[in-house]
Amino acid sequence: MRKRAKWMNKASDPVLEVLKKSGIAVSRAAVNNEIQKTQGSQPSRATIYRAFEPLSSHGLIRSESRGGSEFYQITAKGEKYLSGELDASELTADNE
């Protein structure tokens, strides 16, 4: 069972799941498209996009810039969270 944190929104798990499934660094738009394709209109694009910053600042995903665009990939911490081995509420943000 996953141990969520208060800073997570309803798109946090779907974002992590798409990034794990992709196995490569992808754009926010690609993640949004995959979630919309599989889950319909919920969560909204805005909610999906808002999930990225806290997931990144808490170390569950990482970003890299290529050609002026940002691409995201799940980290080992993110995979541990998805498998239920990590309590996300115990993570602190980089800026805390």
PDB file of N, CA and C in Angstrom:
ATOM      1  N   MET A   1       0.846  -1.187   0.000  1.00  0.00           N
ATOM      2  CA  MET A   1       0.000   0.000   0.000  1.00  0.00           C
ATOM      3  C   MET A   1       0.887   1.245   0.000  1.00  0.00           C
ATOM      4  N   ARG A   2       0.551   2.187  -0.840  1.00  0.00           N
ATOM      5  CA  ARG A   2       1.337   3.420  -0.933  1.00  0.00           C
ATOM      6  C   ARG A   2       1.030   4.360   0.218  1.00  0.00           C
ATOM      7  N   LYS A   3       2.088   5.019   0.700  1.00  0.00           N
ATOM      8  CA  LYS A   3       1.955   5.966   1.809  1.00  0.00           C
ATOM      9  C   LYS A   3       2.124   7.371   1.248  1.00  0.00           C
ATOM     10  N   ARG A   4       0.995   8.015   0.962  1.00  0.00           N
ATOM     11  CA  ARG A   4       0.985   9.334   0.345  1.00  0.00           C
ATOM     12  C   ARG A   4       1.323  10.429   1.354  1.00  0.00           C
ATOM     13  N   ALA A   5       1.651  11.600   0.812  1.00  0.00           N
ATOM     14  CA  ALA A   5       1.945  12.779   1.639  1.00  0.00           C
ATOM     15  C   ALA A   5       0.905  13.855   1.349  1.00  0.00           C
ATOM     16  N   LYS A   6       0.747  14.781   2.288  1.00  0.00           N
ATOM     17  CA  LYS A   6      -0.219  15.874   2.122  1.00  0.00           C
ATOM     18  C   LYS A   6       0.116  16.773   0.946  1.00  0.00           C
ATOM     19  N   TRP A   7       1.390  16.896   0.589  1.00  0.00           N
ATOM     20  CA  TRP A   7       1.802  17.761  -0.512  1.00  0.00           C
ATOM     21  C   TRP A   7       1.483  17.160  -1.878  1.00  0.00           C
ATOM     22  N   MET A   8       1.084  15.910  -1.934  1.00  0.00           N
ATOM     23  CA  MET A   8       0.753  15.256  -3.203  1.00  0.00           C
ATOM     24  C   MET A   8      -0.673  15.612  -3.621  1.00  0.00           C
ATOM     25  N   ASN A   9      -0.908  15.676  -4.938  1.00  0.00           N
ATOM     26  CA  ASN A   9      -2.274  15.899  -5.408  1.00  0.00           C
ATOM     27  C   ASN A   9      -2.775  14.630  -6.099  1.00  0.00           C
ATOM     28  N   LYS A  10      -3.994  14.681  -6.625  1.00  0.00           N
ATOM     29  CA  LYS A  10      -4.576  13.461  -7.191  1.00  0.00           C
ATOM     30  C   LYS A  10      -3.899  13.009  -8.481  1.00  0.00           C
ATOM     31  N   ALA A  11      -3.021  13.821  -9.038  1.00  0.00           N
ATOM     32  CA  ALA A  11      -2.282  13.423 -10.240  1.00  0.00           C
ATOM     33  C   ALA A  11      -0.906  12.850  -9.919  1.00  0.00           C
ATOM     34  N   SER A  12      -0.464  12.938  -8.683  1.00  0.00           N
ATOM     35  CA  SER A  12       0.889  12.501  -8.332  1.00  0.00           C
ATOM     36  C   SER A  12       1.133  11.032  -8.671  1.00  0.00           C
ATOM     37  N   ASP A  13       0.247  10.154  -8.232  1.00  0.00           N
ATOM     38  CA  ASP A  13       0.426   8.731  -8.522  1.00  0.00           C
ATOM     39  C   ASP A  13       0.357   8.443 -10.021  1.00  0.00           C
ATOM     40  N   PRO A  14      -0.653   8.963 -10.746  1.00  0.00           N
ATOM     41  CA  PRO A  14      -0.675   8.716 -12.188  1.00  0.00           C
ATOM     42  C   PRO A  14       0.576   9.221 -12.912  1.00  0.00           C
ATOM     43  N   VAL A  15       1.112  10.376 -12.508  1.00  0.00           N
ATOM     44  CA  VAL A  15       2.338  10.897 -13.130  1.00  0.00           C
ATOM     45  C   VAL A  15       3.482   9.914 -12.907  1.00  0.00           C
ATOM     46  N   LEU A  16       3.649   9.459 -11.675  1.00  0.00           N
ATOM     47  CA  LEU A  16       4.714   8.506 -11.368  1.00  0.00           C
ATOM     48  C   LEU A  16       4.530   7.200 -12.131  1.00  0.00           C
ATOM     49  N   GLU A  17       3.301   6.740 -12.229  1.00  0.00           N
ATOM     50  CA  GLU A  17       3.029   5.491 -12.935  1.00  0.00           C
ATOM     51  C   GLU A  17       3.374   5.604 -14.422  1.00  0.00           C
ATOM     52  N   VAL A  18       3.029   6.720 -15.048  1.00  0.00           N
ATOM     53  CA  VAL A  18       3.353   6.918 -16.464  1.00  0.00           C
ATOM     54  C   VAL A  18       4.863   6.990 -16.658  1.00  0.00           C
ATOM     55  N   LEU A  19       5.555   7.715 -15.783  1.00  0.00           N
ATOM     56  CA  LEU A  19       7.006   7.819 -15.910  1.00  0.00           C
ATOM     57  C   LEU A  19       7.679   6.463 -15.723  1.00  0.00           C
ATOM     58  N   LYS A  20       7.190   5.667 -14.786  1.00  0.00           N
ATOM     59  CA  LYS A  20       7.759   4.330 -14.590  1.00  0.00           C
ATOM     60  C   LYS A  20       7.515   3.474 -15.824  1.00  0.00           C
ATOM     61  N   LYS A  21       6.298   3.513 -16.334  1.00  0.00           N
ATOM     62  CA  LYS A  21       5.936   2.709 -17.505  1.00  0.00           C
ATOM     63  C   LYS A  21       6.761   3.101 -18.728  1.00  0.00           C
ATOM     64  N   SER A  22       7.031   4.397 -18.886  1.00  0.00           N
ATOM     65  CA  SER A  22       7.751   4.858 -20.076  1.00  0.00           C
ATOM     66  C   SER A  22       9.204   4.385 -20.059  1.00  0.00           C
ATOM     67  N   GLY A  23       9.816   4.381 -18.881  1.00  0.00           N
ATOM     68  CA  GLY A  23      11.200   3.950 -18.768  1.00  0.00           C
ATOM     69  C   GLY A  23      12.219   4.932 -19.318  1.00  0.00           C
ATOM     70  N   ILE A  24      11.758   6.058 -19.823  1.00  0.00           N
ATOM     71  CA  ILE A  24      12.645   7.083 -20.373  1.00  0.00           C
ATOM     72  C   ILE A  24      12.181   8.449 -19.886  1.00  0.00           C
ATOM     73  N   ALA A  25      12.999   9.463 -20.104  1.00  0.00           N
ATOM     74  CA  ALA A  25      12.612  10.834 -19.754  1.00  0.00           C
ATOM     75  C   ALA A  25      11.631  11.344 -20.807  1.00  0.00           C
ATOM     76  N   VAL A  26      10.491  11.862 -20.348  1.00  0.00           N
ATOM     77  CA  VAL A  26       9.459  12.368 -21.254  1.00  0.00           C
ATOM     78  C   VAL A  26       8.981  13.744 -20.799  1.00  0.00           C
ATOM     79  N   SER A  27       8.318  14.440 -21.682  1.00  0.00           N
ATOM     80  CA  SER A  27       7.807  15.782 -21.384  1.00  0.00           C
ATOM     81  C   SER A  27       6.534  15.707 -20.548  1.00  0.00           C
ATOM     82  N   ARG A  28       6.199  16.837 -19.928  1.00  0.00           N
ATOM     83  CA  ARG A  28       4.930  16.917 -19.182  1.00  0.00           C
ATOM     84  C   ARG A  28       3.751  16.684 -20.115  1.00  0.00           C
ATOM     85  N   ALA A  29       3.846  17.209 -21.342  1.00  0.00           N
ATOM     86  CA  ALA A  29       2.755  17.040 -22.306  1.00  0.00           C
ATOM     87  C   ALA A  29       2.539  15.564 -22.628  1.00  0.00           C
ATOM     88  N   ALA A  30       3.628  14.802 -22.772  1.00  0.00           N
ATOM     89  CA  ALA A  30       3.506  13.368 -23.054  1.00  0.00           C
ATOM     90  C   ALA A  30       2.857  12.634 -21.880  1.00  0.00           C
ATOM     91  N   VAL A  31       3.239  13.005 -20.665  1.00  0.00           N
ATOM     92  CA  VAL A  31       2.628  12.401 -19.476  1.00  0.00           C
ATOM     93  C   VAL A  31       1.141  12.744 -19.433  1.00  0.00           C
ATOM     94  N   ASN A  32       0.812  14.019 -19.661  1.00  0.00           N
ATOM     95  CA  ASN A  32      -0.578  14.445 -19.675  1.00  0.00           C
ATOM     96  C   ASN A  32      -1.375  13.666 -20.716  1.00  0.00           C
ATOM     97  N   ASN A  33      -0.841  13.535 -21.924  1.00  0.00           N
ATOM     98  CA  ASN A  33      -1.547  12.814 -22.986  1.00  0.00           C
ATOM     99  C   ASN A  33      -1.824  11.374 -22.597  1.00  0.00           C
ATOM    100  N   GLU A  34      -0.844  10.715 -21.990  1.00  0.00           N
ATOM    101  CA  GLU A  34      -1.022   9.318 -21.584  1.00  0.00           C
ATOM    102  C   GLU A  34      -2.069   9.191 -20.482  1.00  0.00           C
ATOM    103  N   ILE A  35      -2.046  10.092 -19.509  1.00  0.00           N
ATOM    104  CA  ILE A  35      -3.047  10.043 -18.429  1.00  0.00           C
ATOM    105  C   ILE A  35      -4.434  10.315 -18.988  1.00  0.00           C
ATOM    106  N   GLN A  36      -4.562  11.310 -19.852  1.00  0.00           N
ATOM    107  CA  GLN A  36      -5.874  11.629 -20.440  1.00  0.00           C
ATOM    108  C   GLN A  36      -6.394  10.456 -21.271  1.00  0.00           C
ATOM    109  N   LYS A  37      -5.489   9.777 -21.971  1.00  0.00           N
ATOM    110  CA  LYS A  37      -5.869   8.638 -22.808  1.00  0.00           C
ATOM    111  C   LYS A  37      -6.385   7.478 -21.963  1.00  0.00           C
ATOM    112  N   THR A  38      -5.752   7.242 -20.825  1.00  0.00           N
ATOM    113  CA  THR A  38      -6.110   6.090 -20.004  1.00  0.00           C
ATOM    114  C   THR A  38      -7.155   6.390 -18.928  1.00  0.00           C
ATOM    115  N   GLN A  39      -7.226   7.659 -18.486  1.00  0.00           N
ATOM    116  CA  GLN A  39      -8.132   7.986 -17.375  1.00  0.00           C
ATOM    117  C   GLN A  39      -9.195   9.007 -17.734  1.00  0.00           C
ATOM    118  N   GLY A  40      -9.258   9.429 -18.972  1.00  0.00           N
ATOM    119  CA  GLY A  40     -10.257  10.413 -19.352  1.00  0.00           C
ATOM    120  C   GLY A  40      -9.857  11.809 -18.907  1.00  0.00           C
ATOM    121  N   SER A  41     -10.822  12.626 -18.592  1.00  0.00           N
ATOM    122  CA  SER A  41     -10.551  14.033 -18.291  1.00  0.00           C
ATOM    123  C   SER A  41     -10.131  14.294 -16.841  1.00  0.00           C
ATOM    124  N   GLN A  42     -10.057  13.276 -16.015  1.00  0.00           N
ATOM    125  CA  GLN A  42      -9.653  13.455 -14.625  1.00  0.00           C
ATOM    126  C   GLN A  42      -8.363  12.703 -14.354  1.00  0.00           C
ATOM    127  N   PRO A  43      -7.385  13.276 -13.741  1.00  0.00           N
ATOM    128  CA  PRO A  43      -7.313  14.673 -13.318  1.00  0.00           C
ATOM    129  C   PRO A  43      -7.082  15.606 -14.506  1.00  0.00           C
ATOM    130  N   SER A  44      -7.325  16.874 -14.272  1.00  0.00           N
ATOM    131  CA  SER A  44      -7.186  17.877 -15.327  1.00  0.00           C
ATOM    132  C   SER A  44      -5.722  18.107 -15.687  1.00  0.00           C
ATOM    133  N   ARG A  45      -5.494  18.711 -16.847  1.00  0.00           N
ATOM    134  CA  ARG A  45      -4.134  19.026 -17.284  1.00  0.00           C
ATOM    135  C   ARG A  45      -3.431  19.902 -16.256  1.00  0.00           C
ATOM    136  N   ALA A  46      -4.139  20.904 -15.724  1.00  0.00           N
ATOM    137  CA  ALA A  46      -3.532  21.806 -14.731  1.00  0.00           C
ATOM    138  C   ALA A  46      -3.106  21.041 -13.481  1.00  0.00           C
ATOM    139  N   THR A  47      -3.925  20.118 -13.029  1.00  0.00           N
ATOM    140  CA  THR A  47      -3.595  19.307 -11.849  1.00  0.00           C
ATOM    141  C   THR A  47      -2.385  18.425 -12.134  1.00  0.00           C
ATOM    142  N   ILE A  48      -2.349  17.841 -13.322  1.00  0.00           N
ATOM    143  CA  ILE A  48      -1.206  17.011 -13.718  1.00  0.00           C
ATOM    144  C   ILE A  48       0.066  17.849 -13.725  1.00  0.00           C
ATOM    145  N   TYR A  49       0.021  19.011 -14.355  1.00  0.00           N
ATOM    146  CA  TYR A  49       1.213  19.864 -14.448  1.00  0.00           C
ATOM    147  C   TYR A  49       1.670  20.338 -13.068  1.00  0.00           C
ATOM    148  N   ARG A  50       0.721  20.614 -12.159  1.00  0.00           N
ATOM    149  CA  ARG A  50       1.080  21.052 -10.803  1.00  0.00           C
ATOM    150  C   ARG A  50       1.758  19.948  -9.999  1.00  0.00           C
ATOM    151  N   ALA A  51       1.565  18.711 -10.367  1.00  0.00           N
ATOM    152  CA  ALA A  51       2.171  17.594  -9.620  1.00  0.00           C
ATOM    153  C   ALA A  51       3.685  17.526  -9.807  1.00  0.00           C
ATOM    154  N   PHE A  52       4.200  18.033 -10.920  1.00  0.00           N
ATOM    155  CA  PHE A  52       5.613  17.856 -11.237  1.00  0.00           C
ATOM    156  C   PHE A  52       6.574  18.538 -10.262  1.00  0.00           C
ATOM    157  N   GLU A  53       6.329  19.778  -9.893  1.00  0.00           N
ATOM    158  CA  GLU A  53       7.279  20.510  -9.030  1.00  0.00           C
ATOM    159  C   GLU A  53       7.449  19.831  -7.679  1.00  0.00           C
ATOM    160  N   PRO A  54       6.362  19.509  -6.949  1.00  0.00           N
ATOM    161  CA  PRO A  54       6.577  18.854  -5.657  1.00  0.00           C
ATOM    162  C   PRO A  54       7.176  17.457  -5.784  1.00  0.00           C
ATOM    163  N   LEU A  55       6.814  16.719  -6.826  1.00  0.00           N
ATOM    164  CA  LEU A  55       7.426  15.404  -7.021  1.00  0.00           C
ATOM    165  C   LEU A  55       8.932  15.541  -7.238  1.00  0.00           C
ATOM    166  N   SER A  56       9.310  16.564  -7.980  1.00  0.00           N
ATOM    167  CA  SER A  56      10.732  16.820  -8.237  1.00  0.00           C
ATOM    168  C   SER A  56      11.449  17.297  -6.976  1.00  0.00           C
ATOM    169  N   SER A  57      10.864  18.258  -6.273  1.00  0.00           N
ATOM    170  CA  SER A  57      11.536  18.814  -5.095  1.00  0.00           C
ATOM    171  C   SER A  57      11.652  17.795  -3.953  1.00  0.00           C
ATOM    172  N   HIS A  58      10.808  16.766  -3.958  1.00  0.00           N
ATOM    173  CA  HIS A  58      10.880  15.713  -2.946  1.00  0.00           C
ATOM    174  C   HIS A  58      11.664  14.491  -3.433  1.00  0.00           C
ATOM    175  N   GLY A  59      12.254  14.584  -4.629  1.00  0.00           N
ATOM    176  CA  GLY A  59      13.157  13.553  -5.108  1.00  0.00           C
ATOM    177  C   GLY A  59      12.522  12.327  -5.743  1.00  0.00           C
ATOM    178  N   LEU A  60      11.219  12.389  -6.059  1.00  0.00           N
ATOM    179  CA  LEU A  60      10.565  11.230  -6.663  1.00  0.00           C
ATOM    180  C   LEU A  60      10.716  11.207  -8.185  1.00  0.00           C
ATOM    181  N   ILE A  61      10.970  12.378  -8.764  1.00  0.00           N
ATOM    182  CA  ILE A  61      11.273  12.469 -10.190  1.00  0.00           C
ATOM    183  C   ILE A  61      12.441  13.434 -10.354  1.00  0.00           C
ATOM    184  N   ARG A  62      13.076  13.399 -11.517  1.00  0.00           N
ATOM    185  CA  ARG A  62      14.125  14.362 -11.826  1.00  0.00           C
ATOM    186  C   ARG A  62      13.856  14.903 -13.219  1.00  0.00           C
ATOM    187  N   SER A  63      14.373  16.095 -13.461  1.00  0.00           N
ATOM    188  CA  SER A  63      14.179  16.700 -14.775  1.00  0.00           C
ATOM    189  C   SER A  63      15.529  16.960 -15.421  1.00  0.00           C
ATOM    190  N   GLU A  64      15.489  17.039 -16.730  1.00  0.00           N
ATOM    191  CA  GLU A  64      16.682  17.413 -17.484  1.00  0.00           C
ATOM    192  C   GLU A  64      16.233  18.267 -18.657  1.00  0.00           C
ATOM    193  N   SER A  65      17.049  19.244 -18.976  1.00  0.00           N
ATOM    194  CA  SER A  65      16.764  20.134 -20.097  1.00  0.00           C
ATOM    195  C   SER A  65      17.468  19.629 -21.336  1.00  0.00           C
ATOM    196  N   ARG A  66      16.711  19.574 -22.424  1.00  0.00           N
ATOM    197  CA  ARG A  66      17.275  19.192 -23.718  1.00  0.00           C
ATOM    198  C   ARG A  66      16.635  20.056 -24.783  1.00  0.00           C
ATOM    199  N   GLY A  67      17.444  20.783 -25.519  1.00  0.00           N
ATOM    200  CA  GLY A  67      16.914  21.593 -26.607  1.00  0.00           C
ATOM    201  C   GLY A  67      15.879  22.611 -26.175  1.00  0.00           C
ATOM    202  N   GLY A  68      16.044  23.151 -24.971  1.00  0.00           N
ATOM    203  CA  GLY A  68      15.107  24.153 -24.469  1.00  0.00           C
ATOM    204  C   GLY A  68      13.830  23.587 -23.874  1.00  0.00           C
ATOM    205  N   SER A  69      13.717  22.263 -23.779  1.00  0.00           N
ATOM    206  CA  SER A  69      12.529  21.622 -23.202  1.00  0.00           C
ATOM    207  C   SER A  69      12.926  20.812 -21.974  1.00  0.00           C
ATOM    208  N   GLU A  70      11.977  20.652 -21.072  1.00  0.00           N
ATOM    209  CA  GLU A  70      12.197  19.852 -19.865  1.00  0.00           C
ATOM    210  C   GLU A  70      11.629  18.451 -20.060  1.00  0.00           C
ATOM    211  N   PHE A  71      12.394  17.461 -19.645  1.00  0.00           N
ATOM    212  CA  PHE A  71      11.972  16.073 -19.695  1.00  0.00           C
ATOM    213  C   PHE A  71      12.118  15.485 -18.298  1.00  0.00           C
ATOM    214  N   TYR A  72      11.196  14.594 -17.938  1.00  0.00           N
ATOM    215  CA  TYR A  72      11.125  14.065 -16.578  1.00  0.00           C
ATOM    216  C   TYR A  72      11.257  12.554 -16.574  1.00  0.00           C
ATOM    217  N   GLN A  73      11.889  12.061 -15.497  1.00  0.00           N
ATOM    218  CA  GLN A  73      12.094  10.632 -15.339  1.00  0.00           C
ATOM    219  C   GLN A  73      11.902  10.276 -13.873  1.00  0.00           C
ATOM    220  N   ILE A  74      11.356   9.115 -13.605  1.00  0.00           N
ATOM    221  CA  ILE A  74      11.172   8.658 -12.232  1.00  0.00           C
ATOM    222  C   ILE A  74      12.543   8.306 -11.634  1.00  0.00           C
ATOM    223  N   THR A  75      12.690   8.528 -10.344  1.00  0.00           N
ATOM    224  CA  THR A  75      13.930   8.184  -9.638  1.00  0.00           C
ATOM    225  C   THR A  75      13.734   6.865  -8.886  1.00  0.00           C
ATOM    226  N   ALA A  76      14.814   6.385  -8.298  1.00  0.00           N
ATOM    227  CA  ALA A  76      14.730   5.174  -7.469  1.00  0.00           C
ATOM    228  C   ALA A  76      13.766   5.398  -6.303  1.00  0.00           C
ATOM    229  N   LYS A  77      13.781   6.614  -5.729  1.00  0.00           N
ATOM    230  CA  LYS A  77      12.831   6.945  -4.645  1.00  0.00           C
ATOM    231  C   LYS A  77      11.398   6.849  -5.143  1.00  0.00           C
ATOM    232  N   GLY A  78      11.159   7.359  -6.343  1.00  0.00           N
ATOM    233  CA  GLY A  78       9.817   7.297  -6.921  1.00  0.00           C
ATOM    234  C   GLY A  78       9.348   5.870  -7.117  1.00  0.00           C
ATOM    235  N   GLU A  79      10.250   5.020  -7.570  1.00  0.00           N
ATOM    236  CA  GLU A  79       9.900   3.611  -7.751  1.00  0.00           C
ATOM    237  C   GLU A  79       9.636   2.924  -6.413  1.00  0.00           C
ATOM    238  N   LYS A  80      10.429   3.285  -5.382  1.00  0.00           N
ATOM    239  CA  LYS A  80      10.191   2.727  -4.050  1.00  0.00           C
ATOM    240  C   LYS A  80       8.824   3.163  -3.525  1.00  0.00           C
ATOM    241  N   TYR A  81       8.460   4.429  -3.765  1.00  0.00           N
ATOM    242  CA  TYR A  81       7.139   4.898  -3.342  1.00  0.00           C
ATOM    243  C   TYR A  81       6.047   4.084  -4.031  1.00  0.00           C
ATOM    244  N   LEU A  82       6.155   3.915  -5.351  1.00  0.00           N
ATOM    245  CA  LEU A  82       5.125   3.178  -6.086  1.00  0.00           C
ATOM    246  C   LEU A  82       4.983   1.741  -5.587  1.00  0.00           C
ATOM    247  N   SER A  83       6.073   1.137  -5.169  1.00  0.00           N
ATOM    248  CA  SER A  83       6.011  -0.250  -4.693  1.00  0.00           C
ATOM    249  C   SER A  83       5.568  -0.355  -3.232  1.00  0.00           C
ATOM    250  N   GLY A  84       5.387   0.799  -2.558  1.00  0.00           N
ATOM    251  CA  GLY A  84       4.946   0.800  -1.168  1.00  0.00           C
ATOM    252  C   GLY A  84       6.070   0.707  -0.163  1.00  0.00           C
ATOM    253  N   GLU A  85       7.315   0.797  -0.631  1.00  0.00           N
ATOM    254  CA  GLU A  85       8.474   0.679   0.259  1.00  0.00           C
ATOM    255  C   GLU A  85       8.880   2.012   0.890  1.00  0.00           C
ATOM    256  N   LEU A  86       8.297   3.120   0.436  1.00  0.00           N
ATOM    257  CA  LEU A  86       8.703   4.446   0.895  1.00  0.00           C
ATOM    258  C   LEU A  86       7.482   5.255   1.295  1.00  0.00           C
ATOM    259  N   ASP A  87       7.538   5.858   2.462  1.00  0.00           N
ATOM    260  CA  ASP A  87       6.473   6.727   2.959  1.00  0.00           C
ATOM    261  C   ASP A  87       6.763   8.148   2.475  1.00  0.00           C
ATOM    262  N   ALA A  88       5.978   8.630   1.526  1.00  0.00           N
ATOM    263  CA  ALA A  88       6.214   9.953   0.942  1.00  0.00           C
ATOM    264  C   ALA A  88       6.079  11.077   1.965  1.00  0.00           C
ATOM    265  N   SER A  89       5.295  10.862   3.021  1.00  0.00           N
ATOM    266  CA  SER A  89       5.115  11.907   4.025  1.00  0.00           C
ATOM    267  C   SER A  89       6.381  12.140   4.840  1.00  0.00           C
ATOM    268  N   GLU A  90       7.341  11.233   4.773  1.00  0.00           N
ATOM    269  CA  GLU A  90       8.598  11.400   5.492  1.00  0.00           C
ATOM    270  C   GLU A  90       9.661  12.143   4.676  1.00  0.00           C
ATOM    271  N   LEU A  91       9.380  12.409   3.407  1.00  0.00           N
ATOM    272  CA  LEU A  91      10.328  13.106   2.554  1.00  0.00           C
ATOM    273  C   LEU A  91      10.244  14.612   2.784  1.00  0.00           C
ATOM    274  N   THR A  92      11.389  15.269   2.736  1.00  0.00           N
ATOM    275  CA  THR A  92      11.406  16.725   2.814  1.00  0.00           C
ATOM    276  C   THR A  92      11.784  17.271   1.454  1.00  0.00           C
ATOM    277  N   ALA A  93      11.291  18.462   1.157  1.00  0.00           N
ATOM    278  CA  ALA A  93      11.600  19.115  -0.111  1.00  0.00           C
ATOM    279  C   ALA A  93      13.011  19.663  -0.059  1.00  0.00           C
ATOM    280  N   ASP A  94      13.611  19.826  -1.230  1.00  0.00           N
ATOM    281  CA  ASP A  94      14.960  20.369  -1.349  1.00  0.00           C
ATOM    282  C   ASP A  94      15.090  21.729  -0.674  1.00  0.00           C
ATOM    283  N   ASN A  95      14.014  22.521  -0.679  1.00  0.00           N
ATOM    284  CA  ASN A  95      14.075  23.893  -0.160  1.00  0.00           C
ATOM    285  C   ASN A  95      13.634  23.989   1.297  1.00  0.00           C
ATOM    286  N   GLU A  96      13.400  22.866   1.954  1.00  0.00           N
ATOM    287  CA  GLU A  96      12.967  22.917   3.368  1.00  0.00           C
ATOM    288  C   GLU A  96      14.150  22.791   4.306  1.00  0.00           C
TER     289      GLU A  96
END
